Amino acid sequence: MSKLGEYLTNARKKANLTLRAAENATGISNAYLSQLENGKIQQPSPILLEKLAALYRVDYSTLLELSGYPIPDQRSVSRLEARIGPTTNEEEEALIDYLDFLRTKRRAPGGLSK
């Protein structure tokens, strides 16, 4: 069993959940969860880890670290950063501008659909 697998097994049991209950709560198949816990899958996606961290009420960055993902510092990793990686200040500004644009279009008559 891997460190990640052992950690996930203990967290699930501490939360008083079966694999089937974890599957129902997260949408991650119990077969996949079993493979994670038994160490057959070593590096699940950050999105799956985020779901498990929320369900088991454990630290997301701990799951990332146990999965082999680099943790640059002790700050909390946002969902966006977990999905697209770190960004430069210029990229952040461009993303904010684009998001503002999308939100403005959505509010305008005949704008984007939700």
Protein backbone atom coordinates (compact mmCIF):
# COMPACT_ATOMS: atom_id res chain seq x y z
CA MET A 1 0.00 0.00 0.00
CA SER A 2 1.31 3.46 -0.88
CA LYS A 3 1.41 6.39 1.53
CA LEU A 4 -1.42 7.99 -0.44
CA GLY A 5 -3.45 4.78 -0.37
CA GLU A 6 -2.96 4.32 3.36
CA TYR A 7 -3.83 7.95 4.03
CA LEU A 8 -7.01 7.74 1.93
CA THR A 9 -8.08 4.47 3.55
CA ASN A 10 -7.62 5.89 7.04
CA ALA A 11 -9.41 9.13 6.12
CA ARG A 12 -12.36 7.26 4.61
CA LYS A 13 -12.68 4.98 7.63
CA LYS A 14 -12.41 7.94 10.01
CA ALA A 15 -15.28 9.55 8.09
CA ASN A 16 -17.24 6.29 8.58
CA LEU A 17 -17.69 5.78 4.84
CA THR A 18 -17.65 2.67 2.71
CA LEU A 19 -16.16 2.73 -0.77
CA ARG A 20 -19.71 2.64 -2.14
CA ALA A 21 -20.73 5.64 -0.01
CA ALA A 22 -17.64 7.56 -1.18
CA GLU A 23 -18.58 6.69 -4.76
CA ASN A 24 -22.11 8.01 -4.28
CA ALA A 25 -20.84 11.24 -2.73
CA THR A 26 -18.09 11.99 -5.27
CA GLY A 27 -19.02 10.18 -8.47
CA ILE A 28 -15.65 8.39 -8.39
CA SER A 29 -16.20 4.66 -8.94
CA ASN A 30 -15.60 2.41 -5.96
CA ALA A 31 -13.29 0.28 -8.16
CA TYR A 32 -11.11 3.35 -8.84
CA LEU A 33 -11.18 4.29 -5.14
CA SER A 34 -10.12 0.75 -4.25
CA GLN A 35 -7.21 0.96 -6.70
CA LEU A 36 -6.18 4.27 -5.13
CA GLU A 37 -6.28 2.82 -1.64
CA ASN A 38 -4.34 -0.30 -2.70
CA GLY A 39 -1.61 1.75 -4.38
CA LYS A 40 -2.35 0.61 -7.93
CA ILE A 41 -3.01 4.24 -8.91
CA GLN A 42 -0.30 6.57 -7.66
CA GLN A 43 -1.17 9.96 -9.15
CA PRO A 44 -4.88 10.67 -9.55
CA SER A 45 -5.97 13.99 -11.01
CA PRO A 46 -6.02 17.02 -8.73
CA ILE A 47 -9.77 17.35 -9.38
CA LEU A 48 -10.40 13.89 -7.93
CA LEU A 49 -8.14 14.66 -4.99
CA GLU A 50 -10.10 17.84 -4.33
CA LYS A 51 -13.35 15.87 -4.20
CA LEU A 52 -11.88 13.34 -1.79
CA ALA A 53 -10.34 16.03 0.41
CA ALA A 54 -13.72 17.72 0.74
CA LEU A 55 -15.56 14.47 1.46
CA TYR A 56 -13.02 13.12 3.94
CA ARG A 57 -12.39 16.57 5.45
CA VAL A 58 -8.64 16.36 4.97
CA ASP A 59 -6.13 18.87 3.67
CA TYR A 60 -6.10 19.07 -0.13
CA SER A 61 -2.42 20.03 -0.30
CA THR A 62 -1.54 16.91 1.71
CA LEU A 63 -3.25 14.74 -0.90
CA LEU A 64 -1.44 16.59 -3.68
CA GLU A 65 1.89 16.09 -1.96
CA LEU A 66 1.26 12.38 -1.28
CA SER A 67 0.39 11.99 -4.98
CA GLY A 68 3.70 13.46 -6.05
CA TYR A 69 2.46 16.86 -7.16
CA PRO A 70 4.85 19.70 -6.28
CA ILE A 71 3.73 21.96 -3.47
CA PRO A 72 5.73 25.20 -3.91
CA ASP A 73 4.86 26.72 -0.55
CA GLN A 74 2.46 26.39 2.35
CA ARG A 75 -0.25 28.64 0.91
CA SER A 76 -3.56 27.17 -0.10
CA VAL A 77 -3.83 26.08 -3.72
CA SER A 78 -6.95 27.40 -5.44
CA ARG A 79 -9.13 25.22 -7.62
CA LEU A 80 -8.14 27.27 -10.65
CA GLU A 81 -4.43 26.92 -9.95
CA ALA A 82 -4.83 23.20 -9.40
CA ARG A 83 -6.40 22.93 -12.85
CA ILE A 84 -4.18 25.25 -14.90
CA GLY A 85 -0.99 25.52 -12.84
CA PRO A 86 0.70 28.66 -11.59
CA THR A 87 0.18 31.89 -13.53
CA THR A 88 2.20 35.06 -13.98
CA ASN A 89 0.80 38.42 -12.91
CA GLU A 90 0.20 39.29 -16.59
CA GLU A 91 -1.73 36.05 -17.11
CA GLU A 92 -3.81 36.67 -13.98
CA GLU A 93 -4.72 40.16 -15.20
CA ALA A 94 -5.66 38.80 -18.64
CA LEU A 95 -7.83 36.09 -17.03
CA ILE A 96 -9.56 38.66 -14.84
CA ASP A 97 -10.20 40.91 -17.84
CA TYR A 98 -11.63 37.99 -19.82
CA LEU A 99 -13.83 36.88 -16.93
CA ASP A 100 -15.15 40.45 -16.59
CA PHE A 101 -15.89 40.43 -20.31
CA LEU A 102 -17.78 37.13 -20.07
CA ARG A 103 -19.80 38.32 -17.08
CA THR A 104 -20.70 41.57 -18.86
CA LYS A 105 -21.84 39.66 -21.96
CA ARG A 106 -23.95 37.33 -19.79
CA ARG A 107 -25.78 40.28 -18.19
CA ALA A 108 -26.38 42.11 -21.47
CA PRO A 109 -29.68 41.53 -23.33
CA GLY A 110 -29.10 38.80 -25.90
CA GLY A 111 -25.80 37.96 -24.18
CA LEU A 112 -24.27 34.57 -23.46
CA SER A 113 -26.55 31.84 -22.18
CA LYS A 114 -25.86 30.46 -18.71
